Amino acid sequence: MTRGAEDGNPCREENRGRNLFIQIFVDFILLLAVGVPVIVSYNGGIPPFRRGFFCDDNSIKYPYVEDTISDAVLMGVGFTMAFILVSEPTQHVKPLEDIDVEVFKRF
């Protein structure tokens, strides 16, 4: 005979309640472990570390470089790619007289 969860055993009911209490207790402890530092830092208990940003800092300064690609090249490549991407698929479309109209009448 197999024993299920609802066999009326009071020990199982007691263990279920105890396990639930342990789970709630652990959740509460974890909530405190995460929540207390967040609340303390938002209320100004821990001052944030502030780092400055200076424009004349040589470690982050790069020399000025003129345009590496001219405007003419950018426009030429952009218009050529757009023309190819629009015109190429239109060449592969079937003409209307090649389409079987009977197929569409079924729907």
PDB file of N, CA and C in Angstrom:
ATOM      1  N   MET A   1       0.840  -1.166   0.000  1.00  0.00           N
ATOM      2  CA  MET A   1       0.000   0.000   0.000  1.00  0.00           C
ATOM      3  C   MET A   1       0.898   1.246   0.000  1.00  0.00           C
ATOM      4  N   THR A   2       0.611   2.152  -0.909  1.00  0.00           N
ATOM      5  CA  THR A   2       1.398   3.381  -0.976  1.00  0.00           C
ATOM      6  C   THR A   2       0.784   4.439  -0.082  1.00  0.00           C
ATOM      7  N   ARG A   3       1.624   5.277   0.450  1.00  0.00           N
ATOM      8  CA  ARG A   3       1.153   6.325   1.353  1.00  0.00           C
ATOM      9  C   ARG A   3       1.285   7.662   0.646  1.00  0.00           C
ATOM     10  N   GLY A   4       0.229   8.399   0.574  1.00  0.00           N
ATOM     11  CA  GLY A   4       0.243   9.707  -0.063  1.00  0.00           C
ATOM     12  C   GLY A   4       0.423  10.799   0.968  1.00  0.00           C
ATOM     13  N   ALA A   5       0.293  12.028   0.494  1.00  0.00           N
ATOM     14  CA  ALA A   5       0.478  13.175   1.378  1.00  0.00           C
ATOM     15  C   ALA A   5      -0.715  13.368   2.291  1.00  0.00           C
ATOM     16  N   GLU A   6      -1.887  12.885   1.878  1.00  0.00           N
ATOM     17  CA  GLU A   6      -3.103  13.088   2.672  1.00  0.00           C
ATOM     18  C   GLU A   6      -3.487  11.824   3.438  1.00  0.00           C
ATOM     19  N   ASP A   7      -2.533  11.182   4.107  1.00  0.00           N
ATOM     20  CA  ASP A   7      -2.876   9.962   4.845  1.00  0.00           C
ATOM     21  C   ASP A   7      -3.281  10.248   6.286  1.00  0.00           C
ATOM     22  N   GLY A   8      -3.344  11.529   6.655  1.00  0.00           N
ATOM     23  CA  GLY A   8      -3.806  11.876   7.989  1.00  0.00           C
ATOM     24  C   GLY A   8      -2.752  11.749   9.065  1.00  0.00           C
ATOM     25  N   ASN A   9      -1.515  11.618   8.717  1.00  0.00           N
ATOM     26  CA  ASN A   9      -0.450  11.471   9.680  1.00  0.00           C
ATOM     27  C   ASN A   9      -0.165  12.832  10.315  1.00  0.00           C
ATOM     28  N   PRO A  10      -0.305  12.998  11.638  1.00  0.00           N
ATOM     29  CA  PRO A  10      -0.080  14.299  12.271  1.00  0.00           C
ATOM     30  C   PRO A  10       1.384  14.743  12.218  1.00  0.00           C
ATOM     31  N   CYS A  11       2.315  13.799  12.082  1.00  0.00           N
ATOM     32  CA  CYS A  11       3.728  14.180  11.999  1.00  0.00           C
ATOM     33  C   CYS A  11       4.011  14.935  10.707  1.00  0.00           C
ATOM     34  N   ARG A  12       3.341  14.535   9.647  1.00  0.00           N
ATOM     35  CA  ARG A  12       3.542  15.232   8.378  1.00  0.00           C
ATOM     36  C   ARG A  12       2.989  16.647   8.444  1.00  0.00           C
ATOM     37  N   GLU A  13       1.843  16.818   9.099  1.00  0.00           N
ATOM     38  CA  GLU A  13       1.259  18.150   9.251  1.00  0.00           C
ATOM     39  C   GLU A  13       2.182  19.035  10.076  1.00  0.00           C
ATOM     40  N   GLU A  14       2.769  18.471  11.119  1.00  0.00           N
ATOM     41  CA  GLU A  14       3.676  19.235  11.966  1.00  0.00           C
ATOM     42  C   GLU A  14       4.939  19.613  11.206  1.00  0.00           C
ATOM     43  N   ASN A  15       5.481  18.676  10.421  1.00  0.00           N
ATOM     44  CA  ASN A  15       6.681  18.961   9.627  1.00  0.00           C
ATOM     45  C   ASN A  15       6.392  19.998   8.556  1.00  0.00           C
ATOM     46  N   ARG A  16       5.215  19.959   7.954  1.00  0.00           N
ATOM     47  CA  ARG A  16       4.857  20.924   6.927  1.00  0.00           C
ATOM     48  C   ARG A  16       4.803  22.331   7.522  1.00  0.00           C
ATOM     49  N   GLY A  17       4.212  22.458   8.708  1.00  0.00           N
ATOM     50  CA  GLY A  17       4.155  23.751   9.376  1.00  0.00           C
ATOM     51  C   GLY A  17       5.529  24.241   9.779  1.00  0.00           C
ATOM     52  N   ARG A  18       6.359  23.322  10.240  1.00  0.00           N
ATOM     53  CA  ARG A  18       7.720  23.704  10.657  1.00  0.00           C
ATOM     54  C   ARG A  18       8.544  24.134   9.452  1.00  0.00           C
ATOM     55  N   ASN A  19       8.408  23.392   8.338  1.00  0.00           N
ATOM     56  CA  ASN A  19       9.141  23.756   7.119  1.00  0.00           C
ATOM     57  C   ASN A  19       8.692  25.117   6.592  1.00  0.00           C
ATOM     58  N   LEU A  20       7.409  25.403   6.677  1.00  0.00           N
ATOM     59  CA  LEU A  20       6.897  26.694   6.248  1.00  0.00           C
ATOM     60  C   LEU A  20       7.462  27.810   7.122  1.00  0.00           C
ATOM     61  N   PHE A  21       7.517  27.587   8.421  1.00  0.00           N
ATOM     62  CA  PHE A  21       8.085  28.582   9.336  1.00  0.00           C
ATOM     63  C   PHE A  21       9.554  28.836   9.015  1.00  0.00           C
ATOM     64  N   ILE A  22      10.315  27.777   8.737  1.00  0.00           N
ATOM     65  CA  ILE A  22      11.736  27.924   8.416  1.00  0.00           C
ATOM     66  C   ILE A  22      11.901  28.694   7.114  1.00  0.00           C
ATOM     67  N   GLN A  23      11.073  28.412   6.129  1.00  0.00           N
ATOM     68  CA  GLN A  23      11.160  29.127   4.859  1.00  0.00           C
ATOM     69  C   GLN A  23      10.855  30.610   5.041  1.00  0.00           C
ATOM     70  N   ILE A  24       9.830  30.929   5.797  1.00  0.00           N
ATOM     71  CA  ILE A  24       9.479  32.328   6.034  1.00  0.00           C
ATOM     72  C   ILE A  24      10.577  33.023   6.826  1.00  0.00           C
ATOM     73  N   PHE A  25      11.137  32.354   7.798  1.00  0.00           N
ATOM     74  CA  PHE A  25      12.219  32.932   8.600  1.00  0.00           C
ATOM     75  C   PHE A  25      13.445  33.224   7.739  1.00  0.00           C
ATOM     76  N   VAL A  26      13.838  32.297   6.890  1.00  0.00           N
ATOM     77  CA  VAL A  26      14.992  32.493   6.011  1.00  0.00           C
ATOM     78  C   VAL A  26      14.711  33.629   5.028  1.00  0.00           C
ATOM     79  N   ASP A  27      13.491  33.699   4.483  1.00  0.00           N
ATOM     80  CA  ASP A  27      13.139  34.801   3.586  1.00  0.00           C
ATOM     81  C   ASP A  27      13.241  36.143   4.301  1.00  0.00           C
ATOM     82  N   PHE A  28      12.787  36.203   5.542  1.00  0.00           N
ATOM     83  CA  PHE A  28      12.850  37.444   6.314  1.00  0.00           C
ATOM     84  C   PHE A  28      14.296  37.864   6.564  1.00  0.00           C
ATOM     85  N   ILE A  29      15.163  36.917   6.900  1.00  0.00           N
ATOM     86  CA  ILE A  29      16.579  37.212   7.139  1.00  0.00           C
ATOM     87  C   ILE A  29      17.232  37.722   5.856  1.00  0.00           C
ATOM     88  N   LEU A  30      16.934  37.086   4.733  1.00  0.00           N
ATOM     89  CA  LEU A  30      17.502  37.536   3.458  1.00  0.00           C
ATOM     90  C   LEU A  30      16.983  38.919   3.080  1.00  0.00           C
ATOM     91  N   LEU A  31      15.705  39.178   3.350  1.00  0.00           N
ATOM     92  CA  LEU A  31      15.139  40.496   3.086  1.00  0.00           C
ATOM     93  C   LEU A  31      15.848  41.564   3.916  1.00  0.00           C
ATOM     94  N   LEU A  32      16.108  41.264   5.172  1.00  0.00           N
ATOM     95  CA  LEU A  32      16.842  42.211   6.016  1.00  0.00           C
ATOM     96  C   LEU A  32      18.275  42.401   5.527  1.00  0.00           C
ATOM     97  N   ALA A  33      18.918  41.313   5.101  1.00  0.00           N
ATOM     98  CA  ALA A  33      20.305  41.400   4.644  1.00  0.00           C
ATOM     99  C   ALA A  33      20.435  42.266   3.398  1.00  0.00           C
ATOM    100  N   VAL A  34      19.417  42.283   2.569  1.00  0.00           N
ATOM    101  CA  VAL A  34      19.456  43.102   1.361  1.00  0.00           C
ATOM    102  C   VAL A  34      18.838  44.470   1.609  1.00  0.00           C
ATOM    103  N   GLY A  35      17.756  44.512   2.348  1.00  0.00           N
ATOM    104  CA  GLY A  35      17.006  45.749   2.511  1.00  0.00           C
ATOM    105  C   GLY A  35      17.669  46.782   3.395  1.00  0.00           C
ATOM    106  N   VAL A  36      18.309  46.358   4.482  1.00  0.00           N
ATOM    107  CA  VAL A  36      18.904  47.317   5.414  1.00  0.00           C
ATOM    108  C   VAL A  36      20.023  48.132   4.744  1.00  0.00           C
ATOM    109  N   PRO A  37      20.969  47.520   4.029  1.00  0.00           N
ATOM    110  CA  PRO A  37      21.982  48.352   3.358  1.00  0.00           C
ATOM    111  C   PRO A  37      21.396  49.307   2.323  1.00  0.00           C
ATOM    112  N   VAL A  38      20.358  48.881   1.634  1.00  0.00           N
ATOM    113  CA  VAL A  38      19.732  49.756   0.639  1.00  0.00           C
ATOM    114  C   VAL A  38      19.084  50.948   1.325  1.00  0.00           C
ATOM    115  N   ILE A  39      18.349  50.713   2.380  1.00  0.00           N
ATOM    116  CA  ILE A  39      17.683  51.801   3.100  1.00  0.00           C
ATOM    117  C   ILE A  39      18.708  52.744   3.723  1.00  0.00           C
ATOM    118  N   VAL A  40      19.771  52.197   4.304  1.00  0.00           N
ATOM    119  CA  VAL A  40      20.799  53.037   4.912  1.00  0.00           C
ATOM    120  C   VAL A  40      21.489  53.896   3.856  1.00  0.00           C
ATOM    121  N   SER A  41      21.776  53.334   2.688  1.00  0.00           N
ATOM    122  CA  SER A  41      22.468  54.111   1.656  1.00  0.00           C
ATOM    123  C   SER A  41      21.557  55.182   1.061  1.00  0.00           C
ATOM    124  N   TYR A  42      20.263  54.916   0.950  1.00  0.00           N
ATOM    125  CA  TYR A  42      19.337  55.926   0.434  1.00  0.00           C
ATOM    126  C   TYR A  42      19.115  57.066   1.425  1.00  0.00           C
ATOM    127  N   ASN A  43      19.178  56.787   2.689  1.00  0.00           N
ATOM    128  CA  ASN A  43      18.947  57.822   3.705  1.00  0.00           C
ATOM    129  C   ASN A  43      20.205  58.602   4.050  1.00  0.00           C
ATOM    130  N   GLY A  44      21.301  58.345   3.386  1.00  0.00           N
ATOM    131  CA  GLY A  44      22.515  59.111   3.608  1.00  0.00           C
ATOM    132  C   GLY A  44      23.410  58.562   4.683  1.00  0.00           C
ATOM    133  N   GLY A  45      23.187  57.375   5.144  1.00  0.00           N
ATOM    134  CA  GLY A  45      24.031  56.787   6.173  1.00  0.00           C
ATOM    135  C   GLY A  45      25.415  56.446   5.662  1.00  0.00           C
ATOM    136  N   ILE A  46      25.515  56.084   4.388  1.00  0.00           N
ATOM    137  CA  ILE A  46      26.797  55.762   3.770  1.00  0.00           C
ATOM    138  C   ILE A  46      27.020  56.777   2.650  1.00  0.00           C
ATOM    139  N   PRO A  47      28.022  57.641   2.780  1.00  0.00           N
ATOM    140  CA  PRO A  47      28.235  58.618   1.705  1.00  0.00           C
ATOM    141  C   PRO A  47      28.783  57.928   0.455  1.00  0.00           C
ATOM    142  N   PRO A  48      28.285  58.296  -0.727  1.00  0.00           N
ATOM    143  CA  PRO A  48      28.772  57.664  -1.963  1.00  0.00           C
ATOM    144  C   PRO A  48      30.166  58.149  -2.314  1.00  0.00           C
ATOM    145  N   PHE A  49      30.906  57.321  -2.990  1.00  0.00           N
ATOM    146  CA  PHE A  49      32.236  57.689  -3.452  1.00  0.00           C
ATOM    147  C   PHE A  49      32.082  58.528  -4.711  1.00  0.00           C
ATOM    148  N   ARG A  50      32.648  59.695  -4.725  1.00  0.00           N
ATOM    149  CA  ARG A  50      32.524  60.588  -5.880  1.00  0.00           C
ATOM    150  C   ARG A  50      33.880  60.674  -6.576  1.00  0.00           C
ATOM    151  N   ARG A  51      33.810  60.468  -7.862  1.00  0.00           N
ATOM    152  CA  ARG A  51      35.020  60.548  -8.674  1.00  0.00           C
ATOM    153  C   ARG A  51      34.828  61.696  -9.653  1.00  0.00           C
ATOM    154  N   GLY A  52      35.834  62.527  -9.815  1.00  0.00           N
ATOM    155  CA  GLY A  52      35.735  63.678 -10.697  1.00  0.00           C
ATOM    156  C   GLY A  52      36.085  63.344 -12.130  1.00  0.00           C
ATOM    157  N   PHE A  53      35.604  64.173 -13.031  1.00  0.00           N
ATOM    158  CA  PHE A  53      35.912  64.057 -14.450  1.00  0.00           C
ATOM    159  C   PHE A  53      36.488  65.394 -14.885  1.00  0.00           C
ATOM    160  N   PHE A  54      37.711  65.369 -15.370  1.00  0.00           N
ATOM    161  CA  PHE A  54      38.377  66.592 -15.756  1.00  0.00           C
ATOM    162  C   PHE A  54      38.735  66.531 -17.233  1.00  0.00           C
ATOM    163  N   CYS A  55      38.364  67.558 -17.958  1.00  0.00           N
ATOM    164  CA  CYS A  55      38.589  67.569 -19.405  1.00  0.00           C
ATOM    165  C   CYS A  55      40.067  67.647 -19.771  1.00  0.00           C
ATOM    166  N   ASP A  56      40.907  68.212 -18.909  1.00  0.00           N
ATOM    167  CA  ASP A  56      42.322  68.332 -19.231  1.00  0.00           C
ATOM    168  C   ASP A  56      43.147  67.151 -18.720  1.00  0.00           C
ATOM    169  N   ASP A  57      42.496  66.053 -18.381  1.00  0.00           N
ATOM    170  CA  ASP A  57      43.191  64.855 -17.916  1.00  0.00           C
ATOM    171  C   ASP A  57      43.868  64.182 -19.109  1.00  0.00           C
ATOM    172  N   ASN A  58      45.181  64.037 -19.071  1.00  0.00           N
ATOM    173  CA  ASN A  58      45.932  63.470 -20.192  1.00  0.00           C
ATOM    174  C   ASN A  58      45.699  61.974 -20.373  1.00  0.00           C
ATOM    175  N   SER A  59      45.239  61.281 -19.339  1.00  0.00           N
ATOM    176  CA  SER A  59      45.040  59.834 -19.471  1.00  0.00           C
ATOM    177  C   SER A  59      43.798  59.497 -20.290  1.00  0.00           C
ATOM    178  N   ILE A  60      42.866  60.442 -20.438  1.00  0.00           N
ATOM    179  CA  ILE A  60      41.659  60.170 -21.228  1.00  0.00           C
ATOM    180  C   ILE A  60      41.584  61.052 -22.463  1.00  0.00           C
ATOM    181  N   LYS A  61      42.590  61.825 -22.721  1.00  0.00           N
ATOM    182  CA  LYS A  61      42.567  62.754 -23.842  1.00  0.00           C
ATOM    183  C   LYS A  61      43.089  62.072 -25.106  1.00  0.00           C
ATOM    184  N   TYR A  62      42.371  62.242 -26.203  1.00  0.00           N
ATOM    185  CA  TYR A  62      42.801  61.747 -27.500  1.00  0.00           C
ATOM    186  C   TYR A  62      43.070  62.942 -28.402  1.00  0.00           C
ATOM    187  N   PRO A  63      44.006  62.817 -29.303  1.00  0.00           N
ATOM    188  CA  PRO A  63      44.256  63.933 -30.218  1.00  0.00           C
ATOM    189  C   PRO A  63      43.104  64.057 -31.222  1.00  0.00           C
ATOM    190  N   TYR A  64      42.855  65.269 -31.667  1.00  0.00           N
ATOM    191  CA  TYR A  64      41.781  65.513 -32.629  1.00  0.00           C
ATOM    192  C   TYR A  64      42.187  64.963 -33.985  1.00  0.00           C
ATOM    193  N   VAL A  65      41.284  64.225 -34.611  1.00  0.00           N
ATOM    194  CA  VAL A  65      41.532  63.639 -35.920  1.00  0.00           C
ATOM    195  C   VAL A  65      40.484  64.189 -36.880  1.00  0.00           C
ATOM    196  N   GLU A  66      40.930  64.644 -38.030  1.00  0.00           N
ATOM    197  CA  GLU A  66      39.997  65.120 -39.056  1.00  0.00           C
ATOM    198  C   GLU A  66      39.159  63.942 -39.552  1.00  0.00           C
ATOM    199  N   ASP A  67      38.187  64.233 -40.408  1.00  0.00           N
ATOM    200  CA  ASP A  67      37.342  63.175 -40.958  1.00  0.00           C
ATOM    201  C   ASP A  67      38.195  62.139 -41.672  1.00  0.00           C
ATOM    202  N   THR A  68      37.988  60.879 -41.341  1.00  0.00           N
ATOM    203  CA  THR A  68      38.762  59.820 -41.989  1.00  0.00           C
ATOM    204  C   THR A  68      38.109  59.363 -43.280  1.00  0.00           C
ATOM    205  N   ILE A  69      36.802  59.544 -43.403  1.00  0.00           N
ATOM    206  CA  ILE A  69      36.074  59.215 -44.631  1.00  0.00           C
ATOM    207  C   ILE A  69      35.380  60.490 -45.090  1.00  0.00           C
ATOM    208  N   SER A  70      35.587  60.849 -46.330  1.00  0.00           N
ATOM    209  CA  SER A  70      35.032  62.111 -46.819  1.00  0.00           C
ATOM    210  C   SER A  70      33.516  62.002 -46.990  1.00  0.00           C
ATOM    211  N   ASP A  71      32.863  63.155 -47.048  1.00  0.00           N
ATOM    212  CA  ASP A  71      31.417  63.189 -47.211  1.00  0.00           C
ATOM    213  C   ASP A  71      30.996  62.607 -48.559  1.00  0.00           C
ATOM    214  N   ALA A  72      31.783  62.831 -49.593  1.00  0.00           N
ATOM    215  CA  ALA A  72      31.450  62.331 -50.924  1.00  0.00           C
ATOM    216  C   ALA A  72      31.430  60.801 -50.950  1.00  0.00           C
ATOM    217  N   VAL A  73      32.412  60.182 -50.293  1.00  0.00           N
ATOM    218  CA  VAL A  73      32.459  58.715 -50.247  1.00  0.00           C
ATOM    219  C   VAL A  73      31.263  58.177 -49.466  1.00  0.00           C
ATOM    220  N   LEU A  74      30.936  58.801 -48.342  1.00  0.00           N
ATOM    221  CA  LEU A  74      29.785  58.342 -47.549  1.00  0.00           C
ATOM    222  C   LEU A  74      28.492  58.436 -48.338  1.00  0.00           C
ATOM    223  N   MET A  75      28.285  59.559 -49.039  1.00  0.00           N
ATOM    224  CA  MET A  75      27.056  59.707 -49.824  1.00  0.00           C
ATOM    225  C   MET A  75      27.034  58.745 -51.003  1.00  0.00           C
ATOM    226  N   GLY A  76      28.173  58.558 -51.652  1.00  0.00           N
ATOM    227  CA  GLY A  76      28.223  57.647 -52.794  1.00  0.00           C
ATOM    228  C   GLY A  76      27.912  56.213 -52.399  1.00  0.00           C
ATOM    229  N   VAL A  77      28.529  55.760 -51.332  1.00  0.00           N
ATOM    230  CA  VAL A  77      28.279  54.388 -50.870  1.00  0.00           C
ATOM    231  C   VAL A  77      26.851  54.247 -50.357  1.00  0.00           C
ATOM    232  N   GLY A  78      26.366  55.243 -49.636  1.00  0.00           N
ATOM    233  CA  GLY A  78      25.001  55.171 -49.095  1.00  0.00           C
ATOM    234  C   GLY A  78      23.950  55.121 -50.186  1.00  0.00           C
ATOM    235  N   PHE A  79      24.050  55.990 -51.196  1.00  0.00           N
ATOM    236  CA  PHE A  79      23.063  55.986 -52.274  1.00  0.00           C
ATOM    237  C   PHE A  79      23.169  54.732 -53.131  1.00  0.00           C
ATOM    238  N   THR A  80      24.396  54.250 -53.360  1.00  0.00           N
ATOM    239  CA  THR A  80      24.574  53.033 -54.157  1.00  0.00           C
ATOM    240  C   THR A  80      23.965  51.828 -53.443  1.00  0.00           C
ATOM    241  N   MET A  81      24.220  51.690 -52.155  1.00  0.00           N
ATOM    242  CA  MET A  81      23.652  50.564 -51.404  1.00  0.00           C
ATOM    243  C   MET A  81      22.123  50.646 -51.366  1.00  0.00           C
ATOM    244  N   ALA A  82      21.580  51.840 -51.165  1.00  0.00           N
ATOM    245  CA  ALA A  82      20.126  51.998 -51.147  1.00  0.00           C
ATOM    246  C   ALA A  82      19.536  51.627 -52.503  1.00  0.00           C
ATOM    247  N   PHE A  83      20.165  52.059 -53.588  1.00  0.00           N
ATOM    248  CA  PHE A  83      19.667  51.737 -54.922  1.00  0.00           C
ATOM    249  C   PHE A  83      19.686  50.234 -55.171  1.00  0.00           C
ATOM    250  N   ILE A  84      20.765  49.574 -54.777  1.00  0.00           N
ATOM    251  CA  ILE A  84      20.865  48.121 -54.971  1.00  0.00           C
ATOM    252  C   ILE A  84      19.833  47.388 -54.121  1.00  0.00           C
ATOM    253  N   LEU A  85      19.676  47.802 -52.871  1.00  0.00           N
ATOM    254  CA  LEU A  85      18.735  47.115 -51.985  1.00  0.00           C
ATOM    255  C   LEU A  85      17.279  47.304 -52.406  1.00  0.00           C
ATOM    256  N   VAL A  86      16.966  48.381 -53.111  1.00  0.00           N
ATOM    257  CA  VAL A  86      15.592  48.601 -53.565  1.00  0.00           C
ATOM    258  C   VAL A  86      15.370  47.981 -54.932  1.00  0.00           C
ATOM    259  N   SER A  87      16.317  48.107 -55.840  1.00  0.00           N
ATOM    260  CA  SER A  87      16.101  47.657 -57.210  1.00  0.00           C
ATOM    261  C   SER A  87      16.295  46.154 -57.398  1.00  0.00           C
ATOM    262  N   GLU A  88      17.185  45.533 -56.674  1.00  0.00           N
ATOM    263  CA  GLU A  88      17.462  44.102 -56.866  1.00  0.00           C
ATOM    264  C   GLU A  88      16.247  43.216 -56.557  1.00  0.00           C
ATOM    265  N   PRO A  89      15.569  43.373 -55.431  1.00  0.00           N
ATOM    266  CA  PRO A  89      14.403  42.511 -55.193  1.00  0.00           C
ATOM    267  C   PRO A  89      13.265  42.744 -56.187  1.00  0.00           C
ATOM    268  N   THR A  90      13.128  43.952 -56.710  1.00  0.00           N
ATOM    269  CA  THR A  90      12.041  44.210 -57.659  1.00  0.00           C
ATOM    270  C   THR A  90      12.271  43.510 -58.981  1.00  0.00           C
ATOM    271  N   GLN A  91      13.489  43.152 -59.318  1.00  0.00           N
ATOM    272  CA  GLN A  91      13.751  42.430 -60.559  1.00  0.00           C
ATOM    273  C   GLN A  91      13.322  40.971 -60.467  1.00  0.00           C
ATOM    274  N   HIS A  92      13.154  40.459 -59.268  1.00  0.00           N
ATOM    275  CA  HIS A  92      12.799  39.051 -59.092  1.00  0.00           C
ATOM    276  C   HIS A  92      11.312  38.849 -58.853  1.00  0.00           C
ATOM    277  N   VAL A  93      10.508  39.894 -58.918  1.00  0.00           N
ATOM    278  CA  VAL A  93       9.066  39.777 -58.720  1.00  0.00           C
ATOM    279  C   VAL A  93       8.442  39.297 -60.026  1.00  0.00           C
ATOM    280  N   LYS A  94       7.511  38.356 -59.923  1.00  0.00           N
ATOM    281  CA  LYS A  94       6.842  37.839 -61.123  1.00  0.00           C
ATOM    282  C   LYS A  94       5.916  38.899 -61.705  1.00  0.00           C
ATOM    283  N   PRO A  95       5.849  38.963 -63.010  1.00  0.00           N
ATOM    284  CA  PRO A  95       4.856  39.863 -63.616  1.00  0.00           C
ATOM    285  C   PRO A  95       3.436  39.386 -63.299  1.00  0.00           C
ATOM    286  N   LEU A  96       2.461  40.293 -63.366  1.00  0.00           N
ATOM    287  CA  LEU A  96       1.089  39.951 -62.997  1.00  0.00           C
ATOM    288  C   LEU A  96       0.488  38.888 -63.905  1.00  0.00           C
ATOM    289  N   GLU A  97       0.878  38.865 -65.187  1.00  0.00           N
ATOM    290  CA  GLU A  97       0.286  37.859 -66.084  1.00  0.00           C
ATOM    291  C   GLU A  97       0.792  36.450 -65.796  1.00  0.00           C
ATOM    292  N   ASP A  98       1.901  36.291 -65.064  1.00  0.00           N
ATOM    293  CA  ASP A  98       2.424  34.974 -64.717  1.00  0.00           C
ATOM    294  C   ASP A  98       1.803  34.407 -63.432  1.00  0.00           C
ATOM    295  N   ILE A  99       1.059  35.208 -62.696  1.00  0.00           N
ATOM    296  CA  ILE A  99       0.483  34.757 -61.436  1.00  0.00           C
ATOM    297  C   ILE A  99      -0.804  33.986 -61.718  1.00  0.00           C
ATOM    298  N   ASP A 100      -0.950  32.833 -61.092  1.00  0.00           N
ATOM    299  CA  ASP A 100      -2.137  32.004 -61.258  1.00  0.00           C
ATOM    300  C   ASP A 100      -3.257  32.559 -60.372  1.00  0.00           C
ATOM    301  N   VAL A 101      -4.240  33.179 -60.991  1.00  0.00           N
ATOM    302  CA  VAL A 101      -5.323  33.826 -60.254  1.00  0.00           C
ATOM    303  C   VAL A 101      -6.234  32.789 -59.610  1.00  0.00           C
ATOM    304  N   GLU A 102      -6.314  31.614 -60.156  1.00  0.00           N
ATOM    305  CA  GLU A 102      -7.189  30.577 -59.602  1.00  0.00           C
ATOM    306  C   GLU A 102      -6.766  30.172 -58.182  1.00  0.00           C
ATOM    307  N   VAL A 103      -5.501  30.279 -57.877  1.00  0.00           N
ATOM    308  CA  VAL A 103      -5.012  29.933 -56.558  1.00  0.00           C
ATOM    309  C   VAL A 103      -5.627  30.872 -55.530  1.00  0.00           C
ATOM    310  N   PHE A 104      -5.742  32.154 -55.834  1.00  0.00           N
ATOM    311  CA  PHE A 104      -6.269  33.120 -54.887  1.00  0.00           C
ATOM    312  C   PHE A 104      -7.793  33.056 -54.777  1.00  0.00           C
ATOM    313  N   LYS A 105      -8.452  32.518 -55.766  1.00  0.00           N
ATOM    314  CA  LYS A 105      -9.917  32.443 -55.720  1.00  0.00           C
ATOM    315  C   LYS A 105     -10.380  31.369 -54.730  1.00  0.00           C
ATOM    316  N   ARG A 106      -9.520  30.416 -54.406  1.00  0.00           N
ATOM    317  CA  ARG A 106      -9.903  29.369 -53.462  1.00  0.00           C
ATOM    318  C   ARG A 106     -10.048  29.905 -52.049  1.00  0.00           C
ATOM    319  N   PHE A 107      -9.376  30.959 -51.726  1.00  0.00           N
ATOM    320  CA  PHE A 107      -9.428  31.488 -50.364  1.00  0.00           C
ATOM    321  C   PHE A 107     -10.504  32.511 -50.308  1.00  0.00           C
TER     322      PHE A 107
END
